[in-house]
Amino acid sequence: MSRTGVLALRLAGPLQSWGAASRFTRRTTESAPTKSGVVGLLAAAAGIERGDDTRLAPLAALRFGVRVDQPGTRIRDFHTAHHGITGASMPLSERFYLADAVFVAALEGDHTLLTGLHDALRTPAYPPYLGRRSCPPTEPVGLALHEDTSLEDVLTRVPWQASAWYQRRHPTPRTLTVLRETAPGESVAAADVLRDQPVSFDAAHRRHTLRTIATTPVPTPAPAGGGPRATHDPFAALAALEDDSA
């Protein structure tokens, strides 16, 4: 019998965008990372090409969950574009992003597969991005690989990952929201469905199916190191000036 594990990721950046129902010129974002987007990030790191559905299938079969550590702010942007050959103007598009958000994502499944993905994140074949190519992460995505545990346990125990400035300016919440994929055979009184279960990333015929999601609160764990994350914040000096003048 193969060992199971859980791969934990920290998804943080100036902008993120996780679309599940975007159409034509209106490109929306969900309030948390989608399974399709995170599996796509891992597939890119592992060097899986878009049309390689055989290699994609084991990644898509992993059970997925996400914890909202810092909800961020939804913003809207307008994009203009021109045809690369004719120079003709393309339709104006409306695109939505999450600014200054932080999430902990976790994937549960075969330990060997997750070990390979964890290694791939250290030396990715293609750069990772948070939903769109214009949304790079602020730091390495991989947090840790846990063995012989559950998705629910990892999303409960991983230290709170909110940014240092956010922890300084906001009281620690009593609970954090977890959106997790239901386990096979699990009965949930109230569940949502989202069409973000990837089947194929082939540009000619992308396919996704529905996935059942349970939303639960978990107690907010202590931050890493017992306090705000000790990472470089380029706006820390400005924040200090604002605090002094308040």
C-alpha atoms as a PDB file:
ATOM      1  CA  MET A   1       0.000   0.000   0.000  1.00  0.00           C
ATOM      2  CA  SER A   2       1.409   3.383  -1.031  1.00  0.00           C
ATOM      3  CA  ARG A   3       2.052   6.071   1.558  1.00  0.00           C
ATOM      4  CA  THR A   4      -0.083   9.186   1.562  1.00  0.00           C
ATOM      5  CA  GLY A   5       1.035  12.722   2.172  1.00  0.00           C
ATOM      6  CA  VAL A   6      -0.075  16.335   2.032  1.00  0.00           C
ATOM      7  CA  LEU A   7       1.811  19.061   0.189  1.00  0.00           C
ATOM      8  CA  ALA A   8       1.278  22.535   1.676  1.00  0.00           C
ATOM      9  CA  LEU A   9       1.774  25.697  -0.380  1.00  0.00           C
ATOM     10  CA  ARG A  10       1.832  29.401   0.473  1.00  0.00           C
ATOM     11  CA  LEU A  11       0.197  31.480  -2.264  1.00  0.00           C
ATOM     12  CA  ALA A  12       0.996  35.161  -1.806  1.00  0.00           C
ATOM     13  CA  GLY A  13       1.690  38.016  -4.190  1.00  0.00           C
ATOM     14  CA  PRO A  14       0.780  41.604  -5.057  1.00  0.00           C
ATOM     15  CA  LEU A  15      -1.950  40.265  -7.363  1.00  0.00           C
ATOM     16  CA  GLN A  16      -3.699  36.910  -7.805  1.00  0.00           C
ATOM     17  CA  SER A  17      -6.536  35.902 -10.121  1.00  0.00           C
ATOM     18  CA  TRP A  18      -8.318  32.557  -9.947  1.00  0.00           C
ATOM     19  CA  GLY A  19     -11.007  32.337 -12.602  1.00  0.00           C
ATOM     20  CA  ALA A  20     -13.521  29.504 -12.726  1.00  0.00           C
ATOM     21  CA  ALA A  21     -16.286  30.985 -14.896  1.00  0.00           C
ATOM     22  CA  SER A  22     -14.571  33.660 -16.986  1.00  0.00           C
ATOM     23  CA  ARG A  23     -15.992  34.246 -20.439  1.00  0.00           C
ATOM     24  CA  PHE A  24     -15.081  36.498 -23.351  1.00  0.00           C
ATOM     25  CA  THR A  25     -14.131  40.048 -22.255  1.00  0.00           C
ATOM     26  CA  ARG A  26     -15.106  39.727 -18.563  1.00  0.00           C
ATOM     27  CA  ARG A  27     -12.458  37.792 -16.609  1.00  0.00           C
ATOM     28  CA  THR A  28     -13.533  37.351 -13.002  1.00  0.00           C
ATOM     29  CA  THR A  29     -11.738  35.826 -10.029  1.00  0.00           C
ATOM     30  CA  GLU A  30     -12.920  33.583  -7.227  1.00  0.00           C
ATOM     31  CA  SER A  31     -12.270  34.713  -3.652  1.00  0.00           C
ATOM     32  CA  ALA A  32      -9.782  31.843  -3.143  1.00  0.00           C
ATOM     33  CA  PRO A  33      -7.458  29.772  -5.356  1.00  0.00           C
ATOM     34  CA  THR A  34      -9.139  27.218  -7.607  1.00  0.00           C
ATOM     35  CA  LYS A  35      -8.045  23.613  -7.931  1.00  0.00           C
ATOM     36  CA  SER A  36      -7.539  24.102 -11.662  1.00  0.00           C
ATOM     37  CA  GLY A  37      -5.230  27.061 -11.062  1.00  0.00           C
ATOM     38  CA  VAL A  38      -3.119  25.352  -8.395  1.00  0.00           C
ATOM     39  CA  VAL A  39      -2.861  22.083 -10.347  1.00  0.00           C
ATOM     40  CA  GLY A  40      -1.810  24.168 -13.346  1.00  0.00           C
ATOM     41  CA  LEU A  41       0.913  25.811 -11.247  1.00  0.00           C
ATOM     42  CA  LEU A  42       2.235  22.398 -10.170  1.00  0.00           C
ATOM     43  CA  ALA A  43       2.008  20.969 -13.693  1.00  0.00           C
ATOM     44  CA  ALA A  44       4.039  23.904 -15.024  1.00  0.00           C
ATOM     45  CA  ALA A  45       6.681  23.414 -12.310  1.00  0.00           C
ATOM     46  CA  ALA A  46       6.890  19.713 -13.232  1.00  0.00           C
ATOM     47  CA  GLY A  47       7.252  20.510 -16.942  1.00  0.00           C
ATOM     48  CA  ILE A  48       3.935  18.916 -17.986  1.00  0.00           C
ATOM     49  CA  GLU A  49       2.872  20.315 -21.345  1.00  0.00           C
ATOM     50  CA  ARG A  50      -0.669  21.626 -21.825  1.00  0.00           C
ATOM     51  CA  GLY A  51      -1.821  18.773 -24.049  1.00  0.00           C
ATOM     52  CA  ASP A  52      -0.363  15.963 -21.934  1.00  0.00           C
ATOM     53  CA  ASP A  53      -3.573  14.771 -20.260  1.00  0.00           C
ATOM     54  CA  THR A  54      -1.978  11.460 -19.231  1.00  0.00           C
ATOM     55  CA  ARG A  55       0.573  13.163 -16.970  1.00  0.00           C
ATOM     56  CA  LEU A  56      -2.001  15.690 -15.781  1.00  0.00           C
ATOM     57  CA  ALA A  57      -4.487  13.050 -14.545  1.00  0.00           C
ATOM     58  CA  PRO A  58      -2.585  12.018 -11.355  1.00  0.00           C
ATOM     59  CA  LEU A  59      -2.284  15.675 -10.322  1.00  0.00           C
ATOM     60  CA  ALA A  60      -5.971  16.309 -10.962  1.00  0.00           C
ATOM     61  CA  ALA A  61      -6.840  13.274  -8.796  1.00  0.00           C
ATOM     62  CA  LEU A  62      -5.193  14.810  -5.701  1.00  0.00           C
ATOM     63  CA  ARG A  63      -7.651  16.082  -3.073  1.00  0.00           C
ATOM     64  CA  PHE A  64      -7.445  19.843  -2.724  1.00  0.00           C
ATOM     65  CA  GLY A  65      -8.173  22.410  -0.033  1.00  0.00           C
ATOM     66  CA  VAL A  66      -7.334  26.021   0.702  1.00  0.00           C
ATOM     67  CA  ARG A  67      -7.270  28.225   3.803  1.00  0.00           C
ATOM     68  CA  VAL A  68      -7.851  31.970   3.632  1.00  0.00           C
ATOM     69  CA  ASP A  69      -5.120  33.529   5.789  1.00  0.00           C
ATOM     70  CA  GLN A  70      -5.383  37.056   4.375  1.00  0.00           C
ATOM     71  CA  PRO A  71      -8.443  37.698   2.189  1.00  0.00           C
ATOM     72  CA  GLY A  72      -7.047  40.632   0.223  1.00  0.00           C
ATOM     73  CA  THR A  73      -9.032  43.165  -1.777  1.00  0.00           C
ATOM     74  CA  ARG A  74     -10.845  42.585  -5.063  1.00  0.00           C
ATOM     75  CA  ILE A  75      -9.836  45.108  -7.725  1.00  0.00           C
ATOM     76  CA  ARG A  76     -10.840  45.678 -11.355  1.00  0.00           C
ATOM     77  CA  ASP A  77      -8.658  46.567 -14.326  1.00  0.00           C
ATOM     78  CA  PHE A  78      -9.346  47.303 -17.987  1.00  0.00           C
ATOM     79  CA  HIS A  79      -7.109  45.845 -20.701  1.00  0.00           C
ATOM     80  CA  THR A  80      -6.617  47.010 -24.252  1.00  0.00           C
ATOM     81  CA  ALA A  81      -4.841  44.938 -26.889  1.00  0.00           C
ATOM     82  CA  HIS A  82      -4.019  44.990 -30.586  1.00  0.00           C
ATOM     83  CA  HIS A  83      -3.768  42.162 -33.086  1.00  0.00           C
ATOM     84  CA  GLY A  84      -0.126  41.132 -33.499  1.00  0.00           C
ATOM     85  CA  ILE A  85      -0.294  41.009 -37.308  1.00  0.00           C
ATOM     86  CA  THR A  86      -2.964  43.451 -38.466  1.00  0.00           C
ATOM     87  CA  GLY A  87      -2.622  45.963 -35.648  1.00  0.00           C
ATOM     88  CA  ALA A  88      -6.403  46.091 -35.298  1.00  0.00           C
ATOM     89  CA  SER A  89      -7.783  46.956 -31.861  1.00  0.00           C
ATOM     90  CA  MET A  90      -9.120  44.027 -29.874  1.00  0.00           C
ATOM     91  CA  PRO A  91     -12.211  44.301 -27.652  1.00  0.00           C
ATOM     92  CA  LEU A  92     -11.724  46.062 -24.322  1.00  0.00           C
ATOM     93  CA  SER A  93     -11.593  43.444 -21.549  1.00  0.00           C
ATOM     94  CA  GLU A  94     -12.503  43.768 -17.884  1.00  0.00           C
ATOM     95  CA  ARG A  95     -10.299  41.776 -15.511  1.00  0.00           C
ATOM     96  CA  PHE A  96     -10.539  41.230 -11.775  1.00  0.00           C
ATOM     97  CA  TYR A  97      -7.757  40.471  -9.284  1.00  0.00           C
ATOM     98  CA  LEU A  98      -7.187  39.868  -5.574  1.00  0.00           C
ATOM     99  CA  ALA A  99      -4.636  42.332  -4.190  1.00  0.00           C
ATOM    100  CA  ASP A 100      -2.467  41.549  -1.136  1.00  0.00           C
ATOM    101  CA  ALA A 101      -4.054  38.152  -0.447  1.00  0.00           C
ATOM    102  CA  VAL A 102      -2.393  35.165   1.218  1.00  0.00           C
ATOM    103  CA  PHE A 103      -3.620  31.570   1.124  1.00  0.00           C
ATOM    104  CA  VAL A 104      -2.438  28.184   2.332  1.00  0.00           C
ATOM    105  CA  ALA A 105      -3.264  25.514  -0.230  1.00  0.00           C
ATOM    106  CA  ALA A 106      -2.892  21.777   0.389  1.00  0.00           C
ATOM    107  CA  LEU A 107      -3.047  18.690  -1.814  1.00  0.00           C
ATOM    108  CA  GLU A 108      -3.495  15.171  -0.438  1.00  0.00           C
ATOM    109  CA  GLY A 109      -2.528  11.960  -2.197  1.00  0.00           C
ATOM    110  CA  ASP A 110       0.321   9.639  -3.119  1.00  0.00           C
ATOM    111  CA  HIS A 111       3.464  10.567  -1.181  1.00  0.00           C
ATOM    112  CA  THR A 112       5.835   9.750  -4.050  1.00  0.00           C
ATOM    113  CA  LEU A 113       3.916  11.979  -6.470  1.00  0.00           C
ATOM    114  CA  LEU A 114       3.837  14.828  -3.959  1.00  0.00           C
ATOM    115  CA  THR A 115       7.574  14.452  -3.283  1.00  0.00           C
ATOM    116  CA  GLY A 116       8.252  14.933  -6.977  1.00  0.00           C
ATOM    117  CA  LEU A 117       6.031  18.016  -7.088  1.00  0.00           C
ATOM    118  CA  HIS A 118       7.685  19.441  -3.983  1.00  0.00           C
ATOM    119  CA  ASP A 119      11.100  19.019  -5.617  1.00  0.00           C
ATOM    120  CA  ALA A 120       9.806  20.546  -8.866  1.00  0.00           C
ATOM    121  CA  LEU A 121       8.740  23.702  -7.031  1.00  0.00           C
ATOM    122  CA  ARG A 122      12.368  24.245  -5.978  1.00  0.00           C
ATOM    123  CA  THR A 123      13.605  24.127  -9.596  1.00  0.00           C
ATOM    124  CA  PRO A 124      10.502  24.660 -11.747  1.00  0.00           C
ATOM    125  CA  ALA A 125      10.554  23.867 -15.447  1.00  0.00           C
ATOM    126  CA  TYR A 126       8.244  26.845 -16.043  1.00  0.00           C
ATOM    127  CA  PRO A 127       7.843  29.803 -13.665  1.00  0.00           C
ATOM    128  CA  PRO A 128       4.922  29.539 -11.234  1.00  0.00           C
ATOM    129  CA  TYR A 129       2.228  32.187 -11.245  1.00  0.00           C
ATOM    130  CA  LEU A 130      -0.899  32.828  -9.196  1.00  0.00           C
ATOM    131  CA  GLY A 131      -3.676  32.208 -11.690  1.00  0.00           C
ATOM    132  CA  ARG A 132      -2.333  34.401 -14.513  1.00  0.00           C
ATOM    133  CA  ARG A 133       1.115  34.989 -15.954  1.00  0.00           C
ATOM    134  CA  SER A 134       0.971  38.603 -14.774  1.00  0.00           C
ATOM    135  CA  CYS A 135       0.696  37.426 -11.137  1.00  0.00           C
ATOM    136  CA  PRO A 136       4.040  36.059  -9.854  1.00  0.00           C
ATOM    137  CA  PRO A 137       4.382  34.918  -6.221  1.00  0.00           C
ATOM    138  CA  THR A 138       6.415  37.050  -3.821  1.00  0.00           C
ATOM    139  CA  GLU A 139       8.455  34.107  -2.491  1.00  0.00           C
ATOM    140  CA  PRO A 140       8.871  30.343  -3.037  1.00  0.00           C
ATOM    141  CA  VAL A 141       5.493  28.616  -3.129  1.00  0.00           C
ATOM    142  CA  GLY A 142       6.352  25.324  -1.393  1.00  0.00           C
ATOM    143  CA  LEU A 143       5.863  25.284   2.382  1.00  0.00           C
ATOM    144  CA  ALA A 144       6.320  21.652   3.448  1.00  0.00           C
ATOM    145  CA  LEU A 145       5.513  18.041   2.626  1.00  0.00           C
ATOM    146  CA  HIS A 146       3.696  16.208   5.428  1.00  0.00           C
ATOM    147  CA  GLU A 147       3.531  12.412   5.706  1.00  0.00           C
ATOM    148  CA  ASP A 148       0.755  10.172   7.093  1.00  0.00           C
ATOM    149  CA  THR A 149      -1.649  12.984   7.870  1.00  0.00           C
ATOM    150  CA  SER A 150      -4.837  14.420   6.394  1.00  0.00           C
ATOM    151  CA  LEU A 151      -5.717  17.476   4.360  1.00  0.00           C
ATOM    152  CA  GLU A 152      -7.923  18.723   7.185  1.00  0.00           C
ATOM    153  CA  ASP A 153      -5.169  18.338   9.786  1.00  0.00           C
ATOM    154  CA  VAL A 154      -2.597  20.243   7.733  1.00  0.00           C
ATOM    155  CA  LEU A 155      -5.000  23.105   7.007  1.00  0.00           C
ATOM    156  CA  THR A 156      -5.669  23.310  10.744  1.00  0.00           C
ATOM    157  CA  ARG A 157      -2.060  23.133  11.985  1.00  0.00           C
ATOM    158  CA  VAL A 158       0.040  25.106   9.469  1.00  0.00           C
ATOM    159  CA  PRO A 159       1.057  28.404  11.133  1.00  0.00           C
ATOM    160  CA  TRP A 160      -0.873  31.515  10.169  1.00  0.00           C
ATOM    161  CA  GLN A 161       0.806  32.897   7.033  1.00  0.00           C
ATOM    162  CA  ALA A 162      -0.559  36.454   6.873  1.00  0.00           C
ATOM    163  CA  SER A 163       1.956  39.143   5.917  1.00  0.00           C
ATOM    164  CA  ALA A 164       3.852  40.940   8.686  1.00  0.00           C
ATOM    165  CA  TRP A 165       2.197  44.291   7.939  1.00  0.00           C
ATOM    166  CA  TYR A 166      -1.234  42.645   8.010  1.00  0.00           C
ATOM    167  CA  GLN A 167      -0.553  41.040  11.387  1.00  0.00           C
ATOM    168  CA  ARG A 168       0.567  44.411  12.780  1.00  0.00           C
ATOM    169  CA  ARG A 169      -2.510  46.267  11.568  1.00  0.00           C
ATOM    170  CA  HIS A 170      -5.246  43.701  12.168  1.00  0.00           C
ATOM    171  CA  PRO A 171      -6.263  41.797  15.289  1.00  0.00           C
ATOM    172  CA  THR A 172      -5.710  38.067  15.032  1.00  0.00           C
ATOM    173  CA  PRO A 173      -8.980  36.499  13.819  1.00  0.00           C
ATOM    174  CA  ARG A 174     -10.519  33.793  15.972  1.00  0.00           C
ATOM    175  CA  THR A 175     -11.007  31.511  12.987  1.00  0.00           C
ATOM    176  CA  LEU A 176      -9.875  31.134   9.392  1.00  0.00           C
ATOM    177  CA  THR A 177     -12.041  29.862   6.545  1.00  0.00           C
ATOM    178  CA  VAL A 178     -11.151  26.544   4.905  1.00  0.00           C
ATOM    179  CA  LEU A 179     -12.620  25.480   1.556  1.00  0.00           C
ATOM    180  CA  ARG A 180     -11.849  21.821   1.016  1.00  0.00           C
ATOM    181  CA  GLU A 181     -12.755  19.149  -1.476  1.00  0.00           C
ATOM    182  CA  THR A 182     -15.027  16.565   0.112  1.00  0.00           C
ATOM    183  CA  ALA A 183     -13.578  13.094   0.619  1.00  0.00           C
ATOM    184  CA  PRO A 184     -14.990  10.138  -1.365  1.00  0.00           C
ATOM    185  CA  GLY A 185     -18.213   8.978   0.273  1.00  0.00           C
ATOM    186  CA  GLU A 186     -18.343  11.965   2.638  1.00  0.00           C
ATOM    187  CA  SER A 187     -21.785  13.406   3.312  1.00  0.00           C
ATOM    188  CA  VAL A 188     -21.897  17.172   3.873  1.00  0.00           C
ATOM    189  CA  ALA A 189     -25.040  18.957   5.012  1.00  0.00           C
ATOM    190  CA  ALA A 190     -24.230  22.161   3.136  1.00  0.00           C
ATOM    191  CA  ALA A 191     -21.807  22.064   0.233  1.00  0.00           C
ATOM    192  CA  ASP A 192     -21.044  24.121  -2.861  1.00  0.00           C
ATOM    193  CA  VAL A 193     -19.970  23.048  -6.323  1.00  0.00           C
ATOM    194  CA  LEU A 194     -17.413  24.720  -8.561  1.00  0.00           C
ATOM    195  CA  ARG A 195     -16.403  23.855 -12.116  1.00  0.00           C
ATOM    196  CA  ASP A 196     -12.668  23.834 -11.461  1.00  0.00           C
ATOM    197  CA  GLN A 197     -11.809  20.119 -11.559  1.00  0.00           C
ATOM    198  CA  PRO A 198      -9.285  19.979 -14.436  1.00  0.00           C
ATOM    199  CA  VAL A 199      -9.632  17.336 -17.145  1.00  0.00           C
ATOM    200  CA  SER A 200      -7.474  18.884 -19.872  1.00  0.00           C
ATOM    201  CA  PHE A 201      -5.443  22.075 -20.237  1.00  0.00           C
ATOM    202  CA  ASP A 202      -5.133  21.654 -24.005  1.00  0.00           C
ATOM    203  CA  ALA A 203      -5.588  25.150 -25.453  1.00  0.00           C
ATOM    204  CA  ALA A 204      -7.808  23.763 -28.236  1.00  0.00           C
ATOM    205  CA  HIS A 205     -10.310  22.080 -25.876  1.00  0.00           C
ATOM    206  CA  ARG A 206      -9.850  22.911 -22.218  1.00  0.00           C
ATOM    207  CA  ARG A 207     -12.180  20.837 -20.064  1.00  0.00           C
ATOM    208  CA  HIS A 208     -13.254  21.056 -16.440  1.00  0.00           C
ATOM    209  CA  THR A 209     -15.873  19.243 -14.400  1.00  0.00           C
ATOM    210  CA  LEU A 210     -17.722  20.034 -11.182  1.00  0.00           C
ATOM    211  CA  ARG A 211     -16.155  19.564  -7.747  1.00  0.00           C
ATOM    212  CA  THR A 212     -17.931  19.477  -4.372  1.00  0.00           C
ATOM    213  CA  ILE A 213     -16.579  21.868  -1.734  1.00  0.00           C
ATOM    214  CA  ALA A 214     -17.215  22.053   2.009  1.00  0.00           C
ATOM    215  CA  THR A 215     -16.593  25.353   3.834  1.00  0.00           C
ATOM    216  CA  THR A 216     -15.529  25.120   7.478  1.00  0.00           C
ATOM    217  CA  PRO A 217     -13.902  27.433  10.044  1.00  0.00           C
ATOM    218  CA  VAL A 218     -10.711  26.412  11.865  1.00  0.00           C
ATOM    219  CA  PRO A 219      -9.102  28.115  14.884  1.00  0.00           C
ATOM    220  CA  THR A 220      -6.372  30.505  13.809  1.00  0.00           C
ATOM    221  CA  PRO A 221      -3.013  28.862  14.585  1.00  0.00           C
ATOM    222  CA  ALA A 222      -0.080  30.856  15.936  1.00  0.00           C
ATOM    223  CA  PRO A 223       2.010  32.644  13.294  1.00  0.00           C
ATOM    224  CA  ALA A 224       5.292  31.113  12.212  1.00  0.00           C
ATOM    225  CA  GLY A 225       7.900  31.914  14.862  1.00  0.00           C
ATOM    226  CA  GLY A 226       5.224  33.135  17.263  1.00  0.00           C
ATOM    227  CA  GLY A 227       4.894  36.546  15.614  1.00  0.00           C
ATOM    228  CA  PRO A 228       4.780  38.416  12.309  1.00  0.00           C
ATOM    229  CA  ARG A 229       6.750  36.735   9.518  1.00  0.00           C
ATOM    230  CA  ALA A 230      10.324  38.073   9.380  1.00  0.00           C
ATOM    231  CA  THR A 231      10.366  38.780   5.640  1.00  0.00           C
ATOM    232  CA  HIS A 232      11.519  41.856   3.789  1.00  0.00           C
ATOM    233  CA  ASP A 233       8.710  44.371   3.324  1.00  0.00           C
ATOM    234  CA  PRO A 234       9.691  47.165   0.861  1.00  0.00           C
ATOM    235  CA  PHE A 235       6.902  49.371   2.231  1.00  0.00           C
ATOM    236  CA  ALA A 236       7.755  48.917   5.920  1.00  0.00           C
ATOM    237  CA  ALA A 237       9.345  52.385   6.202  1.00  0.00           C
ATOM    238  CA  LEU A 238       6.271  54.061   4.711  1.00  0.00           C
ATOM    239  CA  ALA A 239       3.998  52.064   7.016  1.00  0.00           C
ATOM    240  CA  ALA A 240       6.005  53.211  10.035  1.00  0.00           C
ATOM    241  CA  LEU A 241       5.634  56.856   8.957  1.00  0.00           C
ATOM    242  CA  GLU A 242       1.871  56.393   8.569  1.00  0.00           C
ATOM    243  CA  ASP A 243       1.617  54.803  12.026  1.00  0.00           C
ATOM    244  CA  ASP A 244       3.592  57.689  13.596  1.00  0.00           C
ATOM    245  CA  SER A 245       1.427  60.324  11.952  1.00  0.00           C
ATOM    246  CA  ALA A 246      -1.873  58.647  12.908  1.00  0.00           C
END
